C-alpha atoms as a PDB file:
ATOM      1  CA  UNK A   1     -22.414  13.373  13.890  1.00  0.00           C
ATOM      2  CA  UNK A   2     -23.022  10.437  11.510  1.00  0.00           C
ATOM      3  CA  UNK A   3     -26.126   8.313  12.055  1.00  0.00           C
ATOM      4  CA  UNK A   4     -24.342   5.039  11.263  1.00  0.00           C
ATOM      5  CA  UNK A   5     -21.371   3.093  12.553  1.00  0.00           C
ATOM      6  CA  UNK A   6     -19.728   0.419  10.432  1.00  0.00           C
ATOM      7  CA  UNK A   7     -17.436  -2.283  11.808  1.00  0.00           C
ATOM      8  CA  UNK A   8     -15.743  -5.175  10.022  1.00  0.00           C
ATOM      9  CA  UNK A   9     -15.598  -8.696  11.437  1.00  0.00           C
ATOM     10  CA  UNK A  10     -12.050  -9.100  10.070  1.00  0.00           C
ATOM     11  CA  UNK A  11      -9.398  -6.681   8.842  1.00  0.00           C
ATOM     12  CA  UNK A  12      -8.257  -9.159   6.210  1.00  0.00           C
ATOM     13  CA  UNK A  13     -10.063 -11.794   4.146  1.00  0.00           C
ATOM     14  CA  UNK A  14      -8.578 -14.689   2.225  1.00  0.00           C
ATOM     15  CA  UNK A  15      -9.584 -15.374  -1.356  1.00  0.00           C
ATOM     16  CA  UNK A  16     -10.434 -18.927  -2.324  1.00  0.00           C
ATOM     17  CA  UNK A  17      -8.934 -20.595  -5.416  1.00  0.00           C
ATOM     18  CA  UNK A  18     -11.568 -19.043  -7.679  1.00  0.00           C
ATOM     19  CA  UNK A  19     -10.877 -15.516  -6.348  1.00  0.00           C
ATOM     20  CA  UNK A  20     -13.979 -15.379  -4.172  1.00  0.00           C
ATOM     21  CA  UNK A  21     -14.463 -14.404  -0.543  1.00  0.00           C
ATOM     22  CA  UNK A  22     -17.107 -13.037   1.806  1.00  0.00           C
ATOM     23  CA  UNK A  23     -16.512 -10.224   4.265  1.00  0.00           C
ATOM     24  CA  UNK A  24     -18.912  -9.558   7.123  1.00  0.00           C
ATOM     25  CA  UNK A  25     -19.723  -6.098   8.487  1.00  0.00           C
ATOM     26  CA  UNK A  26     -22.020  -4.735  11.178  1.00  0.00           C
ATOM     27  CA  UNK A  27     -23.914  -1.520  10.445  1.00  0.00           C
ATOM     28  CA  UNK A  28     -25.693   0.205  13.321  1.00  0.00           C
ATOM     29  CA  UNK A  29     -28.067   3.146  13.199  1.00  0.00           C
ATOM     30  CA  UNK A  30     -27.024   5.269  16.178  1.00  0.00           C
ATOM     31  CA  UNK A  31     -29.950   7.691  15.901  1.00  0.00           C
ATOM     32  CA  UNK A  32     -33.242   7.457  17.795  1.00  0.00           C
ATOM     33  CA  UNK A  33     -35.361   6.827  14.692  1.00  0.00           C
ATOM     34  CA  UNK A  34     -35.504   4.287  11.862  1.00  0.00           C
ATOM     35  CA  UNK A  35     -33.419   5.452   8.924  1.00  0.00           C
ATOM     36  CA  UNK A  36     -33.195   4.368   5.325  1.00  0.00           C
ATOM     37  CA  UNK A  37     -29.569   3.904   4.418  1.00  0.00           C
ATOM     38  CA  UNK A  38     -27.606   2.996   1.308  1.00  0.00           C
ATOM     39  CA  UNK A  39     -24.662   0.624   1.541  1.00  0.00           C
ATOM     40  CA  UNK A  40     -21.779   1.218  -0.841  1.00  0.00           C
ATOM     41  CA  UNK A  41     -18.589  -0.733  -1.473  1.00  0.00           C
ATOM     42  CA  UNK A  42     -15.545   1.445  -2.019  1.00  0.00           C
ATOM     43  CA  UNK A  43     -12.538  -0.312  -3.543  1.00  0.00           C
ATOM     44  CA  UNK A  44      -9.072   0.957  -2.785  1.00  0.00           C
ATOM     45  CA  UNK A  45      -7.043   1.479  -5.976  1.00  0.00           C
ATOM     46  CA  UNK A  46      -6.221  -0.592  -7.976  1.00  0.00           C
ATOM     47  CA  UNK A  47      -9.154  -2.858  -6.990  1.00  0.00           C
ATOM     48  CA  UNK A  48     -12.155  -2.647  -9.351  1.00  0.00           C
ATOM     49  CA  UNK A  49     -15.754  -1.831  -8.283  1.00  0.00           C
ATOM     50  CA  UNK A  50     -17.151  -4.799 -10.215  1.00  0.00           C
ATOM     51  CA  UNK A  51     -15.297  -7.209  -7.891  1.00  0.00           C
ATOM     52  CA  UNK A  52     -17.621  -6.349  -4.989  1.00  0.00           C
ATOM     53  CA  UNK A  53     -21.314  -6.889  -4.382  1.00  0.00           C
ATOM     54  CA  UNK A  54     -23.524  -6.539  -1.342  1.00  0.00           C
ATOM     55  CA  UNK A  55     -25.513  -9.653  -0.472  1.00  0.00           C
ATOM     56  CA  UNK A  56     -29.154  -8.567  -0.266  1.00  0.00           C
ATOM     57  CA  UNK A  57     -30.504  -5.083  -0.718  1.00  0.00           C
ATOM     58  CA  UNK A  58     -28.074  -2.168  -0.833  1.00  0.00           C
ATOM     59  CA  UNK A  59     -30.801   0.229   0.372  1.00  0.00           C
ATOM     60  CA  UNK A  60     -32.310  -0.839   3.695  1.00  0.00           C
ATOM     61  CA  UNK A  61     -34.261   0.408   6.676  1.00  0.00           C
ATOM     62  CA  UNK A  62     -32.105   0.464   9.794  1.00  0.00           C
ATOM     63  CA  UNK A  63     -33.915   0.363  13.139  1.00  0.00           C
ATOM     64  CA  UNK A  64     -32.413   2.520  15.880  1.00  0.00           C
ATOM     65  CA  UNK A  65     -29.523   0.906  17.789  1.00  0.00           C
ATOM     66  CA  UNK A  66     -30.129  -2.523  16.209  1.00  0.00           C
ATOM     67  CA  UNK A  67     -26.959  -3.931  14.601  1.00  0.00           C
ATOM     68  CA  UNK A  68     -27.527  -5.179  11.039  1.00  0.00           C
ATOM     69  CA  UNK A  69     -25.248  -7.807   9.540  1.00  0.00           C
ATOM     70  CA  UNK A  70     -24.058  -6.997   6.020  1.00  0.00           C
ATOM     71  CA  UNK A  71     -22.059  -9.341   3.798  1.00  0.00           C
ATOM     72  CA  UNK A  72     -19.892  -8.187   0.907  1.00  0.00           C
ATOM     73  CA  UNK A  73     -19.124 -10.801  -1.742  1.00  0.00           C
ATOM     74  CA  UNK A  74     -15.752 -10.551  -3.497  1.00  0.00           C
ATOM     75  CA  UNK A  75     -15.203 -12.003  -6.960  1.00  0.00           C
ATOM     76  CA  UNK A  76     -11.673 -11.223  -8.159  1.00  0.00           C
ATOM     77  CA  UNK A  77     -11.166 -12.427 -11.739  1.00  0.00           C
ATOM     78  CA  UNK A  78      -8.418 -14.826 -12.736  1.00  0.00           C
ATOM     79  CA  UNK A  79      -5.417 -13.070 -14.195  1.00  0.00           C
ATOM     80  CA  UNK A  80      -5.579 -10.148 -11.759  1.00  0.00           C
ATOM     81  CA  UNK A  81      -2.141  -8.756 -11.019  1.00  0.00           C
ATOM     82  CA  UNK A  82      -0.825 -10.284  -7.787  1.00  0.00           C
ATOM     83  CA  UNK A  83      -0.577  -7.882  -4.872  1.00  0.00           C
ATOM     84  CA  UNK A  84      -2.316  -6.346  -1.872  1.00  0.00           C
ATOM     85  CA  UNK A  85      -5.761  -4.824  -2.325  1.00  0.00           C
ATOM     86  CA  UNK A  86      -8.417  -3.334  -0.065  1.00  0.00           C
ATOM     87  CA  UNK A  87     -11.993  -2.099   0.085  1.00  0.00           C
ATOM     88  CA  UNK A  88     -14.450  -0.708   2.586  1.00  0.00           C
ATOM     89  CA  UNK A  89     -18.185  -0.628   3.177  1.00  0.00           C
ATOM     90  CA  UNK A  90     -19.772   2.800   3.622  1.00  0.00           C
ATOM     91  CA  UNK A  91     -23.230   3.649   4.951  1.00  0.00           C
ATOM     92  CA  UNK A  92     -25.058   6.730   3.653  1.00  0.00           C
ATOM     93  CA  UNK A  93     -28.318   8.209   4.883  1.00  0.00           C
ATOM     94  CA  UNK A  94     -30.923   8.455   2.127  1.00  0.00           C
ATOM     95  CA  UNK A  95     -32.331  11.624   3.760  1.00  0.00           C
ATOM     96  CA  UNK A  96     -29.086  13.673   3.871  1.00  0.00           C
ATOM     97  CA  UNK A  97     -26.583  11.763   1.712  1.00  0.00           C
ATOM     98  CA  UNK A  98     -24.120  14.657   1.427  1.00  0.00           C
ATOM     99  CA  UNK A  99     -24.056  15.313   5.154  1.00  0.00           C
ATOM    100  CA  UNK A 100     -24.827  12.026   6.905  1.00  0.00           C
ATOM    101  CA  UNK A 101     -22.458   9.239   5.870  1.00  0.00           C
ATOM    102  CA  UNK A 102     -19.943   6.907   7.447  1.00  0.00           C
ATOM    103  CA  UNK A 103     -16.763   5.531   5.890  1.00  0.00           C
ATOM    104  CA  UNK A 104     -16.316   1.959   7.041  1.00  0.00           C
ATOM    105  CA  UNK A 105     -12.999   0.371   7.996  1.00  0.00           C
ATOM    106  CA  UNK A 106     -10.652  -0.888   5.327  1.00  0.00           C
ATOM    107  CA  UNK A 107     -10.528  -4.647   4.716  1.00  0.00           C
ATOM    108  CA  UNK A 108      -7.466  -6.080   2.979  1.00  0.00           C
ATOM    109  CA  UNK A 109      -7.066  -9.082   0.713  1.00  0.00           C
ATOM    110  CA  UNK A 110      -4.152 -10.570  -1.161  1.00  0.00           C
ATOM    111  CA  UNK A 111      -4.140 -11.725  -4.778  1.00  0.00           C
ATOM    112  CA  UNK A 112      -1.499 -14.391  -5.038  1.00  0.00           C
ATOM    113  CA  UNK A 113       0.283 -15.424  -8.225  1.00  0.00           C
ATOM    114  CA  UNK A 114      -1.013 -18.591  -9.847  1.00  0.00           C
ATOM    115  CA  UNK A 115       0.785 -21.746  -8.719  1.00  0.00           C
ATOM    116  CA  UNK A 116       3.689 -22.745 -10.913  1.00  0.00           C
ATOM    117  CA  UNK A 117       3.271 -26.119 -12.592  1.00  0.00           C
ATOM    118  CA  UNK A 118       5.546 -28.730 -11.101  1.00  0.00           C
ATOM    119  CA  UNK A 119       8.100 -30.352 -13.301  1.00  0.00           C
ATOM    120  CA  UNK A 120       7.304 -34.006 -13.888  1.00  0.00           C
ATOM    121  CA  UNK A 121       9.734 -36.041 -11.842  1.00  0.00           C
ATOM    122  CA  UNK A 122       8.068 -39.440 -12.061  1.00  0.00           C
ATOM    123  CA  UNK A 123       9.182 -40.393 -15.611  1.00  0.00           C
ATOM    124  CA  UNK A 124      12.797 -39.493 -14.834  1.00  0.00           C
ATOM    125  CA  UNK A 125      12.693 -41.348 -11.547  1.00  0.00           C
ATOM    126  CA  UNK A 126      11.306 -44.447 -13.265  1.00  0.00           C
ATOM    127  CA  UNK A 127      13.946 -44.278 -16.010  1.00  0.00           C
ATOM    128  CA  UNK A 128      16.722 -43.875 -13.435  1.00  0.00           C
ATOM    129  CA  UNK A 129      15.356 -46.789 -11.366  1.00  0.00           C
ATOM    130  CA  UNK A 130      15.108 -48.941 -14.513  1.00  0.00           C
ATOM    131  CA  UNK A 131      18.695 -48.162 -15.524  1.00  0.00           C
ATOM    132  CA  UNK A 132      19.863 -48.961 -11.974  1.00  0.00           C
ATOM    133  CA  UNK A 133      18.065 -52.337 -12.026  1.00  0.00           C
ATOM    134  CA  UNK A 134      19.587 -53.195 -15.444  1.00  0.00           C
ATOM    135  CA  UNK A 135      23.082 -52.267 -14.184  1.00  0.00           C
ATOM    136  CA  UNK A 136      22.629 -54.431 -11.065  1.00  0.00           C
ATOM    137  CA  UNK A 137      21.502 -57.381 -13.191  1.00  0.00           C
ATOM    138  CA  UNK A 138      24.427 -56.909 -15.555  1.00  0.00           C
ATOM    139  CA  UNK A 139      26.810 -56.677 -12.575  1.00  0.00           C
ATOM    140  CA  UNK A 140      25.388 -59.862 -11.027  1.00  0.00           C
ATOM    141  CA  UNK A 141      25.590 -61.766 -14.340  1.00  0.00           C
ATOM    142  CA  UNK A 142      29.097 -60.502 -15.044  1.00  0.00           C
ATOM    143  CA  UNK A 143      30.374 -61.639 -11.638  1.00  0.00           C
ATOM    144  CA  UNK A 144      29.445 -65.278 -12.275  1.00  0.00           C
END
């Protein structure tokens, strides 16, 4: 049985305009003794490992049954292909890394396409309004 449990505060995070976000997790040592554990981010393809970093130390001492808050920082570069992506946070015992590990829950995020530039409407609106005013003036002068 794994010595750690990992839960995510949210199943989906929203990127800000610069492609950044923070995702909060809770890691709990379920054993009866303090354990040294390594925290690892695991991107789901096609996400890239360099987009994710753990705030603080990635290797920590976990007291028994005391929940530890862990924050993962996302930094998705501009120009990333729009689409749905995911990652997870895993906890691995430093004593028995091949036998004692926990895969955390998947957290999703969406990369949206860049906003399309709006077509300038103001110059055309001003030109149309100016032409309308000139036509009204001509109509008024012509009716006299």
